[in-house]
Amino acid sequence: MSTKKAYQQKIEAEVELAQAKLDELRAEAKSSAADVRIKYENCAEELEQKINATKTKLQELNKANEDAWEHLKDNAESTWNTLSSAVQDTAAKLKAQFKD
């Protein structure tokens, strides 16, 4: 398996985990009070945008030839890191809200 393909599969798996976390947050929102549900949905929309941006970068990476993918890899990695941080920050923020 090429390095490019292995890298794509790794990021795709991580995006799937982020999508699962987003789905989990949306499920929790359904059982929350209206004001909390709005906060959940706002956070969920932000995460959805970041997930979509990461998927777009993966598509670009997939279309790139072997020579060009290294250049695109850094950009995809940066987009993934942004998404990963957003998922962690959002989950922590929402959990803290329930402690209050």
N, C-alpha and C. Protein backbone atom coordinates (compact mmCIF):
# COMPACT_ATOMS: atom_id res chain seq x y z
N MET A 1 0.85 -1.17 0.00
CA MET A 1 0.00 0.00 0.00
C MET A 1 0.89 1.24 0.00
N SER A 2 0.52 2.20 -0.82
CA SER A 2 1.33 3.41 -0.90
C SER A 2 1.16 4.25 0.36
N THR A 3 2.14 5.10 0.59
CA THR A 3 2.08 6.01 1.73
C THR A 3 0.88 6.93 1.60
N LYS A 4 0.61 7.38 0.38
CA LYS A 4 -0.54 8.26 0.13
C LYS A 4 -1.83 7.56 0.54
N LYS A 5 -2.01 6.34 0.10
CA LYS A 5 -3.24 5.59 0.40
C LYS A 5 -3.37 5.34 1.91
N ALA A 6 -2.29 4.97 2.55
CA ALA A 6 -2.32 4.73 4.00
C ALA A 6 -2.69 6.00 4.74
N TYR A 7 -2.12 7.11 4.32
CA TYR A 7 -2.42 8.40 4.96
C TYR A 7 -3.88 8.76 4.77
N GLN A 8 -4.40 8.57 3.56
CA GLN A 8 -5.80 8.86 3.30
C GLN A 8 -6.71 8.02 4.18
N GLN A 9 -6.41 6.76 4.29
CA GLN A 9 -7.23 5.87 5.11
C GLN A 9 -7.21 6.28 6.58
N LYS A 10 -6.06 6.71 7.05
CA LYS A 10 -5.93 7.17 8.44
C LYS A 10 -6.82 8.39 8.68
N ILE A 11 -6.72 9.38 7.81
CA ILE A 11 -7.51 10.60 7.97
C ILE A 11 -9.00 10.30 7.79
N GLU A 12 -9.35 9.45 6.83
CA GLU A 12 -10.75 9.08 6.63
C GLU A 12 -11.33 8.43 7.89
N ALA A 13 -10.56 7.57 8.53
CA ALA A 13 -11.02 6.92 9.76
C ALA A 13 -11.21 7.95 10.87
N GLU A 14 -10.30 8.91 10.95
CA GLU A 14 -10.41 9.95 11.98
C GLU A 14 -11.59 10.87 11.71
N VAL A 15 -11.88 11.13 10.44
CA VAL A 15 -13.05 11.94 10.09
C VAL A 15 -14.32 11.19 10.47
N GLU A 16 -14.33 9.89 10.26
CA GLU A 16 -15.49 9.09 10.66
C GLU A 16 -15.71 9.17 12.17
N LEU A 17 -14.64 9.15 12.94
CA LEU A 17 -14.76 9.29 14.40
C LEU A 17 -15.30 10.67 14.77
N ALA A 18 -14.83 11.70 14.08
CA ALA A 18 -15.33 13.05 14.33
C ALA A 18 -16.82 13.13 14.00
N GLN A 19 -17.21 12.50 12.90
CA GLN A 19 -18.63 12.50 12.52
C GLN A 19 -19.46 11.76 13.57
N ALA A 20 -18.93 10.68 14.11
CA ALA A 20 -19.63 9.94 15.16
C ALA A 20 -19.79 10.79 16.41
N LYS A 21 -18.76 11.55 16.77
CA LYS A 21 -18.84 12.44 17.92
C LYS A 21 -19.88 13.52 17.68
N LEU A 22 -19.93 14.04 16.47
CA LEU A 22 -20.93 15.04 16.12
C LEU A 22 -22.33 14.45 16.25
N ASP A 23 -22.52 13.25 15.76
CA ASP A 23 -23.81 12.58 15.89
C ASP A 23 -24.19 12.38 17.35
N GLU A 24 -23.19 12.04 18.16
CA GLU A 24 -23.41 11.87 19.61
C GLU A 24 -23.85 13.19 20.25
N LEU A 25 -23.19 14.27 19.89
CA LEU A 25 -23.56 15.59 20.43
C LEU A 25 -24.98 15.97 20.02
N ARG A 26 -25.33 15.68 18.79
CA ARG A 26 -26.69 15.99 18.33
C ARG A 26 -27.73 15.13 19.06
N ALA A 27 -27.40 13.89 19.35
CA ALA A 27 -28.31 13.03 20.10
C ALA A 27 -28.49 13.56 21.53
N GLU A 28 -27.40 14.00 22.16
CA GLU A 28 -27.48 14.57 23.50
C GLU A 28 -28.33 15.84 23.48
N ALA A 29 -28.22 16.61 22.44
CA ALA A 29 -28.97 17.86 22.34
C ALA A 29 -30.47 17.62 22.31
N LYS A 30 -30.87 16.53 21.69
CA LYS A 30 -32.31 16.23 21.59
C LYS A 30 -32.94 16.04 22.97
N SER A 31 -32.16 15.61 23.93
CA SER A 31 -32.72 15.36 25.25
C SER A 31 -32.44 16.51 26.22
N SER A 32 -31.99 17.63 25.71
CA SER A 32 -31.63 18.78 26.54
C SER A 32 -32.71 19.85 26.50
N ALA A 33 -32.61 20.77 27.42
CA ALA A 33 -33.51 21.92 27.45
C ALA A 33 -33.28 22.76 26.20
N ALA A 34 -34.26 23.57 25.84
CA ALA A 34 -34.22 24.34 24.59
C ALA A 34 -32.98 25.22 24.49
N ASP A 35 -32.61 25.93 25.55
CA ASP A 35 -31.46 26.83 25.47
C ASP A 35 -30.16 26.06 25.27
N VAL A 36 -30.05 24.91 25.92
CA VAL A 36 -28.86 24.08 25.76
C VAL A 36 -28.86 23.45 24.37
N ARG A 37 -30.02 23.07 23.91
CA ARG A 37 -30.15 22.46 22.58
C ARG A 37 -29.66 23.44 21.50
N ILE A 38 -29.97 24.71 21.66
CA ILE A 38 -29.51 25.73 20.70
C ILE A 38 -27.99 25.81 20.71
N LYS A 39 -27.39 25.80 21.91
CA LYS A 39 -25.92 25.83 22.00
C LYS A 39 -25.31 24.60 21.34
N TYR A 40 -25.90 23.44 21.61
CA TYR A 40 -25.43 22.21 20.99
C TYR A 40 -25.47 22.33 19.47
N GLU A 41 -26.60 22.82 18.96
CA GLU A 41 -26.76 22.89 17.52
C GLU A 41 -25.78 23.87 16.89
N ASN A 42 -25.53 24.98 17.56
CA ASN A 42 -24.54 25.94 17.04
C ASN A 42 -23.16 25.29 16.98
N CYS A 43 -22.80 24.58 18.03
CA CYS A 43 -21.50 23.87 18.04
C CYS A 43 -21.48 22.78 16.97
N ALA A 44 -22.59 22.08 16.83
CA ALA A 44 -22.67 21.01 15.84
C ALA A 44 -22.50 21.55 14.43
N GLU A 45 -23.09 22.70 14.15
CA GLU A 45 -22.95 23.30 12.82
C GLU A 45 -21.50 23.67 12.53
N GLU A 46 -20.82 24.21 13.53
CA GLU A 46 -19.41 24.55 13.35
C GLU A 46 -18.58 23.30 13.08
N LEU A 47 -18.85 22.24 13.83
CA LEU A 47 -18.12 21.00 13.61
C LEU A 47 -18.42 20.41 12.23
N GLU A 48 -19.67 20.49 11.83
CA GLU A 48 -20.06 19.98 10.51
C GLU A 48 -19.29 20.70 9.41
N GLN A 49 -19.13 22.00 9.54
CA GLN A 49 -18.36 22.77 8.55
C GLN A 49 -16.90 22.30 8.51
N LYS A 50 -16.34 22.07 9.67
CA LYS A 50 -14.94 21.61 9.73
C LYS A 50 -14.79 20.20 9.18
N ILE A 51 -15.77 19.35 9.43
CA ILE A 51 -15.76 17.99 8.88
C ILE A 51 -15.82 18.07 7.35
N ASN A 52 -16.70 18.92 6.84
CA ASN A 52 -16.83 19.06 5.39
C ASN A 52 -15.55 19.61 4.77
N ALA A 53 -14.90 20.55 5.45
CA ALA A 53 -13.63 21.10 4.94
C ALA A 53 -12.57 20.00 4.88
N THR A 54 -12.54 19.16 5.90
CA THR A 54 -11.57 18.07 5.92
C THR A 54 -11.87 17.06 4.81
N LYS A 55 -13.14 16.77 4.59
CA LYS A 55 -13.51 15.85 3.51
C LYS A 55 -13.11 16.42 2.15
N THR A 56 -13.27 17.72 1.98
CA THR A 56 -12.87 18.37 0.73
C THR A 56 -11.37 18.23 0.51
N LYS A 57 -10.59 18.44 1.57
CA LYS A 57 -9.13 18.29 1.46
C LYS A 57 -8.76 16.85 1.12
N LEU A 58 -9.49 15.90 1.67
CA LEU A 58 -9.22 14.50 1.36
C LEU A 58 -9.53 14.19 -0.10
N GLN A 59 -10.58 14.79 -0.62
CA GLN A 59 -10.90 14.59 -2.03
C GLN A 59 -9.79 15.15 -2.92
N GLU A 60 -9.28 16.33 -2.56
CA GLU A 60 -8.16 16.92 -3.30
C GLU A 60 -6.95 15.99 -3.24
N LEU A 61 -6.71 15.45 -2.06
CA LEU A 61 -5.58 14.54 -1.87
C LEU A 61 -5.76 13.29 -2.72
N ASN A 62 -6.97 12.78 -2.77
CA ASN A 62 -7.27 11.58 -3.55
C ASN A 62 -7.02 11.80 -5.04
N LYS A 63 -7.33 13.00 -5.53
CA LYS A 63 -7.18 13.30 -6.95
C LYS A 63 -5.73 13.61 -7.34
N ALA A 64 -4.92 13.93 -6.37
CA ALA A 64 -3.53 14.32 -6.65
C ALA A 64 -2.71 13.11 -7.08
N ASN A 65 -1.78 13.36 -7.97
CA ASN A 65 -0.88 12.27 -8.35
C ASN A 65 0.15 12.08 -7.24
N GLU A 66 0.91 11.03 -7.36
CA GLU A 66 1.87 10.67 -6.31
C GLU A 66 2.87 11.79 -6.02
N ASP A 67 3.24 12.54 -7.05
CA ASP A 67 4.22 13.61 -6.87
C ASP A 67 3.64 14.82 -6.14
N ALA A 68 2.38 15.13 -6.39
CA ALA A 68 1.78 16.34 -5.83
C ALA A 68 1.17 16.13 -4.45
N TRP A 69 0.93 14.90 -4.08
CA TRP A 69 0.20 14.66 -2.84
C TRP A 69 0.96 15.11 -1.60
N GLU A 70 2.27 15.04 -1.61
CA GLU A 70 3.06 15.47 -0.45
C GLU A 70 2.77 16.93 -0.11
N HIS A 71 2.64 17.75 -1.14
CA HIS A 71 2.33 19.17 -0.94
C HIS A 71 0.94 19.33 -0.33
N LEU A 72 -0.01 18.57 -0.82
CA LEU A 72 -1.38 18.65 -0.32
C LEU A 72 -1.53 18.03 1.07
N LYS A 73 -0.66 17.11 1.39
CA LYS A 73 -0.71 16.40 2.67
C LYS A 73 -0.63 17.38 3.84
N ASP A 74 0.27 18.34 3.77
CA ASP A 74 0.42 19.32 4.85
C ASP A 74 -0.86 20.12 5.06
N ASN A 75 -1.48 20.51 3.96
CA ASN A 75 -2.73 21.27 4.04
C ASN A 75 -3.84 20.40 4.64
N ALA A 76 -3.93 19.16 4.21
CA ALA A 76 -4.94 18.24 4.75
C ALA A 76 -4.69 18.00 6.24
N GLU A 77 -3.43 17.87 6.62
CA GLU A 77 -3.07 17.65 8.02
C GLU A 77 -3.49 18.85 8.88
N SER A 78 -3.26 20.04 8.37
CA SER A 78 -3.64 21.25 9.08
C SER A 78 -5.15 21.32 9.26
N THR A 79 -5.88 20.99 8.20
CA THR A 79 -7.34 20.99 8.27
C THR A 79 -7.82 19.95 9.28
N TRP A 80 -7.19 18.78 9.27
CA TRP A 80 -7.57 17.74 10.23
C TRP A 80 -7.29 18.19 11.66
N ASN A 81 -6.13 18.80 11.89
CA ASN A 81 -5.79 19.26 13.24
C ASN A 81 -6.80 20.28 13.75
N THR A 82 -7.26 21.16 12.86
CA THR A 82 -8.29 22.13 13.23
C THR A 82 -9.57 21.42 13.64
N LEU A 83 -9.97 20.43 12.86
CA LEU A 83 -11.17 19.66 13.16
C LEU A 83 -11.02 18.91 14.47
N SER A 84 -9.91 18.25 14.66
CA SER A 84 -9.68 17.47 15.87
C SER A 84 -9.74 18.35 17.12
N SER A 85 -9.10 19.50 17.06
CA SER A 85 -9.12 20.44 18.19
C SER A 85 -10.54 20.94 18.45
N ALA A 86 -11.27 21.21 17.38
CA ALA A 86 -12.64 21.71 17.54
C ALA A 86 -13.53 20.66 18.19
N VAL A 87 -13.36 19.41 17.81
CA VAL A 87 -14.16 18.33 18.41
C VAL A 87 -13.87 18.24 19.90
N GLN A 88 -12.59 18.25 20.26
CA GLN A 88 -12.21 18.14 21.67
C GLN A 88 -12.69 19.35 22.47
N ASP A 89 -12.51 20.55 21.92
CA ASP A 89 -12.92 21.77 22.62
C ASP A 89 -14.43 21.82 22.80
N THR A 90 -15.15 21.46 21.77
CA THR A 90 -16.61 21.50 21.84
C THR A 90 -17.14 20.50 22.86
N ALA A 91 -16.61 19.30 22.84
CA ALA A 91 -17.05 18.29 23.80
C ALA A 91 -16.76 18.75 25.22
N ALA A 92 -15.58 19.30 25.45
CA ALA A 92 -15.24 19.77 26.80
C ALA A 92 -16.13 20.93 27.22
N LYS A 93 -16.38 21.85 26.32
CA LYS A 93 -17.22 23.01 26.62
C LYS A 93 -18.65 22.58 26.99
N LEU A 94 -19.18 21.63 26.23
CA LEU A 94 -20.55 21.19 26.49
C LEU A 94 -20.64 20.36 27.77
N LYS A 95 -19.63 19.57 28.07
CA LYS A 95 -19.63 18.81 29.31
C LYS A 95 -19.54 19.75 30.51
N ALA A 96 -18.74 20.79 30.38
CA ALA A 96 -18.61 21.77 31.47
C ALA A 96 -19.95 22.47 31.71
N GLN A 97 -20.69 22.68 30.65
CA GLN A 97 -21.99 23.34 30.79
C GLN A 97 -22.93 22.52 31.66
N PHE A 98 -22.86 21.22 31.56
CA PHE A 98 -23.75 20.38 32.36
C PHE A 98 -23.32 20.30 33.82
N LYS A 99 -22.05 20.64 34.10
CA LYS A 99 -21.59 20.65 35.48
C LYS A 99 -22.15 21.85 36.23
N ASP A 100 -22.39 22.93 35.49
CA ASP A 100 -22.87 24.17 36.11
C ASP A 100 -24.29 24.05 36.62
